[in-house]
Amino acid sequence: MANQSWFADRCSPLTSFPEDSMSWFSVTSSDHLSELQALWTAKVAKDPTALRTAPQPMRDQKAVVLAAVSKDGRALRHASEALQNDKEIVLAAIRSCPDAMVCASRALREDPDFAIAAVQCNSDVLAYLSDSLRNSRRVVHAAVMQNGCALRHASAAITDDPVICLIAVQGNGSALRHSSTSVRENPDVVLAAVRQDGMQLKYASPALRKLPEMALAALSQNPEAIRGIDPELWSDWAFVKEALKIDPNCVKYAKKACPDLWEDRSFVMDVVEQDASLLEYASDTLRQDRNVLE
């Protein structure tokens, strides 16, 4: 009981330490230090913000800080300078909170190899790196491999790189919207994007939106991509027939965009052979045409 009473006098409340906390530790046994560390580890694990009230020696204890930043990466700001330079600690912090990267040491923030490890851990960290690192093909490549939409945090020069953009859209078609205007004119990049997410057709250049193969690829991936198809394509007989094979509901867009096509006997016979229900969209004359009905 005497030892417990002595320890309680020393440690309660947890935040009652002299300014020179190290002098206090110099007279405390290693067993008591271990218990104190355990107390603070449990405390910050429940409330990471408590790290800011911890005595400096506790902010330099890796187990304590790791418990805090694993719960809330923003607690990294209250860690000692030494632990703000600790790779394991910083990676644990940015895993839950990418903006914790700004609290890392300058050495880590400027280290290209650590930047790669960081964006592999959380691709959004790219937004908090220096301009030079956001302009690094190695760093951005690592980020978009993790999440294609990390491309939005890259430099303008990188978003104009078709190789990096291709990798990004292959992982996440939505990355196309973050690429440069010139990349959106690249058929390989755009085709990869719409095959992954058909709705991205609307971000393609006007010229590419007019290509039947581009529109059909988007439509195959997502019928809702029909909204991004260039209206001129609906007057293309071959395109309309292929589109109707993919989704018969396209007929409404086709009829509205090019009603004359539905007065063409050869066209109507072809599509009706494909799907008899489409006859209702033909002109009145063709709906009564014996050759069409047979």
Protein backbone atom coordinates (compact mmCIF):
# COMPACT_ATOMS: atom_id res chain seq x y z
CA MET A 1 0.00 0.00 0.00
CA ALA A 2 2.85 2.35 0.79
CA ASN A 3 4.23 2.05 -2.74
CA GLN A 4 0.78 2.63 -4.30
CA SER A 5 0.27 5.70 -2.14
CA TRP A 6 3.69 7.06 -3.10
CA PHE A 7 2.97 6.48 -6.82
CA ALA A 8 -0.47 8.12 -6.54
CA ASP A 9 1.11 11.16 -4.92
CA ARG A 10 3.56 11.37 -7.79
CA CYS A 11 1.10 10.77 -10.64
CA SER A 12 -2.24 12.29 -9.69
CA PRO A 13 -3.42 14.28 -11.47
CA LEU A 14 -1.70 13.07 -14.64
CA THR A 15 -0.98 16.58 -15.84
CA SER A 16 0.58 17.84 -12.60
CA PHE A 17 4.28 17.91 -13.44
CA PRO A 18 6.97 20.51 -12.81
CA GLU A 19 8.14 22.49 -15.85
CA ASP A 20 11.40 20.56 -15.80
CA SER A 21 9.74 17.16 -16.11
CA MET A 22 13.02 15.39 -16.76
CA SER A 23 14.22 16.17 -13.26
CA TRP A 24 11.11 14.40 -12.00
CA PHE A 25 11.86 11.36 -14.11
CA SER A 26 15.39 11.20 -12.80
CA VAL A 27 14.10 10.22 -9.39
CA THR A 28 11.41 7.84 -10.63
CA SER A 29 12.03 4.12 -11.05
CA SER A 30 11.75 2.42 -14.41
CA ASP A 31 8.75 0.45 -13.14
CA HIS A 32 6.93 3.64 -12.30
CA LEU A 33 7.85 5.11 -15.67
CA SER A 34 6.32 2.09 -17.36
CA GLU A 35 3.12 2.51 -15.37
CA LEU A 36 2.98 6.21 -16.19
CA GLN A 37 3.49 5.47 -19.87
CA ALA A 38 0.69 2.89 -19.74
CA LEU A 39 -1.62 5.44 -18.09
CA TRP A 40 -0.95 8.06 -20.77
CA THR A 41 -1.20 5.52 -23.57
CA ALA A 42 -4.66 4.53 -22.38
CA LYS A 43 -5.64 8.17 -21.91
CA VAL A 44 -4.72 9.36 -25.40
CA ALA A 45 -6.15 6.23 -26.98
CA LYS A 46 -9.54 7.35 -25.66
CA ASP A 47 -8.98 11.05 -26.27
CA PRO A 48 -6.13 11.87 -28.69
CA THR A 49 -6.42 15.59 -27.91
CA ALA A 50 -5.19 14.81 -24.41
CA LEU A 51 -1.68 14.54 -25.86
CA ARG A 52 -1.41 18.32 -25.82
CA THR A 53 -1.71 18.31 -22.02
CA ALA A 54 0.79 15.51 -21.54
CA PRO A 55 4.16 16.34 -19.99
CA GLN A 56 6.93 16.71 -22.53
CA PRO A 57 8.59 13.37 -21.66
CA MET A 58 5.31 11.60 -22.46
CA ARG A 59 5.14 13.37 -25.84
CA ASP A 60 8.50 11.78 -26.53
CA GLN A 61 7.29 8.28 -25.71
CA LYS A 62 6.64 6.43 -28.98
CA ALA A 63 3.94 4.16 -27.57
CA VAL A 64 2.00 7.13 -26.19
CA VAL A 65 2.20 9.18 -29.37
CA LEU A 66 1.45 6.19 -31.58
CA ALA A 67 -1.73 5.51 -29.61
CA ALA A 68 -2.82 9.12 -30.10
CA VAL A 69 -2.04 9.55 -33.80
CA SER A 70 -3.50 6.16 -34.68
CA LYS A 71 -6.83 7.46 -33.40
CA ASP A 72 -6.47 11.01 -34.74
CA GLY A 73 -3.55 11.95 -36.95
CA ARG A 74 -3.86 15.62 -35.99
CA ALA A 75 -2.43 14.75 -32.59
CA LEU A 76 0.96 14.64 -34.34
CA ARG A 77 1.25 18.40 -33.77
CA HIS A 78 1.63 17.71 -30.04
CA ALA A 79 4.35 15.08 -30.42
CA SER A 80 8.00 15.84 -29.70
CA GLU A 81 10.18 17.00 -32.58
CA ALA A 82 11.97 13.68 -32.51
CA LEU A 83 8.73 11.75 -33.06
CA GLN A 84 7.56 14.18 -35.73
CA ASN A 85 10.62 12.90 -37.56
CA ASP A 86 9.73 9.25 -36.92
CA LYS A 87 8.51 7.54 -40.11
CA GLU A 88 6.33 4.99 -38.35
CA ILE A 89 4.62 7.68 -36.30
CA VAL A 90 4.01 9.98 -39.26
CA LEU A 91 2.67 7.16 -41.44
CA ALA A 92 0.26 6.17 -38.66
CA ALA A 93 -0.89 9.78 -38.42
CA ILE A 94 -1.51 10.34 -42.13
CA ARG A 95 -3.33 7.04 -42.49
CA SER A 96 -6.36 8.58 -40.77
CA CYS A 97 -5.63 12.24 -41.42
CA PRO A 98 -3.65 13.18 -44.56
CA ASP A 99 -3.21 16.80 -43.50
CA ALA A 100 -1.16 15.59 -40.54
CA MET A 101 1.70 15.57 -43.04
CA VAL A 102 2.15 19.30 -42.40
CA CYS A 103 3.12 18.44 -38.81
CA ALA A 104 5.88 16.08 -39.88
CA SER A 105 9.47 17.24 -39.69
CA ARG A 106 10.83 19.28 -42.55
CA ALA A 107 13.26 16.48 -43.33
CA LEU A 108 10.43 14.00 -43.91
CA ARG A 109 8.29 16.49 -45.80
CA GLU A 110 11.12 17.08 -48.27
CA ASP A 111 12.18 13.44 -48.62
CA PRO A 112 11.00 12.04 -52.00
CA ASP A 113 11.28 8.43 -50.85
CA PHE A 114 9.20 9.09 -47.75
CA ALA A 115 6.70 11.03 -49.88
CA ILE A 116 6.21 7.90 -51.98
CA ALA A 117 5.64 5.80 -48.86
CA ALA A 118 3.23 8.45 -47.58
CA VAL A 119 1.03 8.59 -50.71
CA GLN A 120 1.01 4.81 -50.87
CA CYS A 121 -0.39 4.91 -47.35
CA ASN A 122 -2.92 7.64 -48.15
CA SER A 123 -3.03 9.14 -51.63
CA ASP A 124 -4.60 12.38 -50.37
CA VAL A 125 -1.30 13.22 -48.70
CA LEU A 126 -0.21 14.41 -52.14
CA ALA A 127 -2.20 17.60 -51.51
CA TYR A 128 0.02 18.45 -48.55
CA LEU A 129 3.38 17.93 -50.21
CA SER A 130 5.62 20.64 -51.60
CA ASP A 131 5.20 21.92 -55.15
CA SER A 132 8.34 20.10 -56.21
CA LEU A 133 7.07 16.76 -54.93
CA ARG A 134 3.65 17.26 -56.52
CA ASN A 135 5.58 17.79 -59.73
CA SER A 136 7.51 14.54 -59.29
CA ARG A 137 6.45 11.77 -61.68
CA ARG A 138 7.65 9.14 -59.19
CA VAL A 139 5.60 10.56 -56.34
CA VAL A 140 2.46 11.20 -58.39
CA HIS A 141 2.74 7.79 -60.03
CA ALA A 142 2.72 6.18 -56.58
CA ALA A 143 -0.29 8.28 -55.57
CA VAL A 144 -2.43 7.51 -58.63
CA MET A 145 -1.59 3.82 -58.36
CA GLN A 146 -3.27 4.03 -54.96
CA ASN A 147 -6.17 6.19 -56.16
CA GLY A 148 -6.46 7.62 -59.66
CA CYS A 149 -8.27 10.70 -58.41
CA ALA A 150 -5.14 11.76 -56.52
CA LEU A 151 -4.31 13.29 -59.90
CA ARG A 152 -6.28 16.35 -58.76
CA HIS A 153 -3.46 17.20 -56.36
CA ALA A 154 -0.68 16.91 -58.95
CA SER A 155 1.01 19.84 -60.64
CA ALA A 156 -0.32 21.20 -63.94
CA ALA A 157 2.65 19.67 -65.73
CA ILE A 158 1.83 16.19 -64.40
CA THR A 159 -1.86 16.45 -65.30
CA ASP A 160 -0.63 17.08 -68.85
CA ASP A 161 1.35 13.84 -68.87
CA PRO A 162 -0.63 11.22 -70.84
CA VAL A 163 1.26 8.29 -69.30
CA ILE A 164 0.49 9.31 -65.72
CA CYS A 165 -3.09 10.20 -66.67
CA LEU A 166 -3.58 6.83 -68.36
CA ILE A 167 -2.51 5.04 -65.18
CA ALA A 168 -4.84 7.25 -63.17
CA VAL A 169 -7.95 6.63 -65.29
CA GLN A 170 -7.29 2.91 -65.51
CA GLY A 171 -7.68 2.81 -61.75
CA ASN A 172 -10.44 5.38 -61.49
CA GLY A 173 -12.16 6.73 -64.59
CA SER A 174 -13.18 9.84 -62.66
CA ALA A 175 -9.57 10.99 -62.82
CA LEU A 176 -10.20 12.13 -66.38
CA ARG A 177 -11.83 15.32 -65.13
CA HIS A 178 -8.56 16.23 -63.39
CA SER A 179 -6.43 15.82 -66.50
CA SER A 180 -5.44 18.68 -68.78
CA THR A 181 -7.40 19.76 -71.84
CA SER A 182 -4.82 18.21 -74.15
CA VAL A 183 -5.00 14.85 -72.36
CA ARG A 184 -8.78 14.83 -72.79
CA GLU A 185 -8.06 14.87 -76.51
CA ASN A 186 -5.98 11.69 -76.21
CA PRO A 187 -8.09 8.75 -77.46
CA ASP A 188 -6.15 6.13 -75.49
CA VAL A 189 -6.63 7.95 -72.20
CA VAL A 190 -10.29 8.76 -72.81
CA LEU A 191 -11.14 5.25 -73.99
CA ALA A 192 -9.53 3.78 -70.87
CA ALA A 193 -11.49 6.23 -68.73
CA VAL A 194 -14.93 5.49 -70.23
CA ARG A 195 -14.31 1.76 -70.11
CA GLN A 196 -13.76 2.16 -66.41
CA ASP A 197 -16.55 4.71 -65.89
CA GLY A 198 -18.84 5.47 -68.82
CA MET A 199 -20.09 8.69 -67.23
CA GLN A 200 -16.70 10.28 -67.87
CA LEU A 201 -17.54 10.60 -71.57
CA LYS A 202 -18.81 14.10 -70.82
CA TYR A 203 -15.23 15.17 -69.96
CA ALA A 204 -13.80 14.01 -73.28
CA SER A 205 -12.98 16.58 -75.93
CA PRO A 206 -15.83 17.42 -78.34
CA ALA A 207 -14.00 15.60 -81.14
CA LEU A 208 -13.71 12.36 -79.17
CA ARG A 209 -17.33 12.49 -78.06
CA LYS A 210 -18.25 12.29 -81.75
CA LEU A 211 -16.44 8.96 -82.21
CA PRO A 212 -18.89 6.03 -82.33
CA GLU A 213 -16.44 3.61 -80.66
CA MET A 214 -15.93 6.03 -77.77
CA ALA A 215 -19.65 6.52 -77.22
CA LEU A 216 -20.40 2.79 -77.48
CA ALA A 217 -17.66 1.94 -74.98
CA ALA A 218 -19.14 4.42 -72.52
CA LEU A 219 -22.66 3.16 -73.10
CA SER A 220 -21.56 -0.45 -72.59
CA GLN A 221 -20.06 0.44 -69.22
CA ASN A 222 -23.01 2.52 -68.04
CA PRO A 223 -26.29 3.11 -69.93
CA GLU A 224 -26.57 6.46 -68.14
CA ALA A 225 -23.63 7.64 -70.25
CA ILE A 226 -26.16 8.23 -73.02
CA ARG A 227 -26.47 11.79 -71.73
CA GLY A 228 -22.91 12.53 -72.76
CA ILE A 229 -23.20 11.18 -76.32
CA ASP A 230 -22.90 13.78 -79.05
CA PRO A 231 -26.36 14.35 -80.60
CA GLU A 232 -24.95 14.01 -84.13
CA LEU A 233 -24.25 10.34 -83.55
CA TRP A 234 -27.97 9.56 -83.40
CA SER A 235 -28.21 10.24 -87.14
CA ASP A 236 -25.60 7.54 -87.80
CA TRP A 237 -27.50 4.39 -88.81
CA ALA A 238 -24.69 1.99 -87.85
CA PHE A 239 -24.15 3.68 -84.49
CA VAL A 240 -27.84 3.64 -83.56
CA LYS A 241 -28.17 -0.07 -84.32
CA GLU A 242 -25.17 -0.87 -82.12
CA ALA A 243 -26.44 1.39 -79.37
CA LEU A 244 -29.84 -0.33 -79.44
CA LYS A 245 -28.13 -3.71 -79.06
CA ILE A 246 -26.48 -2.44 -75.91
CA ASP A 247 -29.58 -0.78 -74.52
CA PRO A 248 -32.95 -0.73 -76.33
CA ASN A 249 -33.96 2.26 -74.22
CA CYS A 250 -31.65 4.36 -76.37
CA VAL A 251 -34.46 4.45 -78.90
CA LYS A 252 -36.03 7.48 -77.19
CA TYR A 253 -32.86 9.52 -77.65
CA ALA A 254 -32.43 8.26 -81.19
CA LYS A 255 -36.00 9.14 -82.20
CA LYS A 256 -35.80 12.60 -80.66
CA ALA A 257 -32.39 13.41 -82.15
CA CYS A 258 -33.11 12.12 -85.65
CA PRO A 259 -36.79 11.41 -86.37
CA ASP A 260 -36.10 11.10 -90.12
CA LEU A 261 -34.13 7.92 -89.51
CA TRP A 262 -37.31 6.23 -88.29
CA GLU A 263 -38.90 6.82 -91.66
CA ASP A 264 -36.19 4.83 -93.41
CA ARG A 265 -37.59 1.39 -94.31
CA SER A 266 -34.22 -0.41 -94.37
CA PHE A 267 -33.22 0.99 -91.02
CA VAL A 268 -36.54 0.20 -89.36
CA MET A 269 -36.54 -3.35 -90.76
CA ASP A 270 -33.06 -3.90 -89.33
CA VAL A 271 -33.87 -2.66 -85.84
CA VAL A 272 -37.24 -4.40 -85.72
CA GLU A 273 -35.54 -7.67 -86.66
CA GLN A 274 -33.24 -7.00 -83.72
CA ASP A 275 -36.10 -6.09 -81.35
CA ALA A 276 -39.73 -6.22 -82.52
CA SER A 277 -40.85 -3.83 -79.78
CA LEU A 278 -39.00 -1.01 -81.53
CA LEU A 279 -41.61 -0.96 -84.30
CA GLU A 280 -43.71 1.46 -82.27
CA TYR A 281 -41.07 4.15 -82.86
CA ALA A 282 -41.30 3.87 -86.64
CA SER A 283 -43.35 6.31 -88.68
CA ASP A 284 -47.07 5.63 -89.13
CA THR A 285 -46.49 4.59 -92.70
CA LEU A 286 -43.81 2.02 -91.83
CA ARG A 287 -45.83 0.59 -88.97
CA GLN A 288 -48.38 -0.44 -91.58
CA ASP A 289 -45.83 -1.53 -94.15
CA ARG A 290 -46.25 -5.23 -94.91
CA ASN A 291 -42.55 -5.69 -95.67
CA VAL A 292 -41.67 -4.30 -92.25
CA LEU A 293 -44.30 -6.37 -90.46
CA GLU A 294 -43.31 -9.68 -92.05
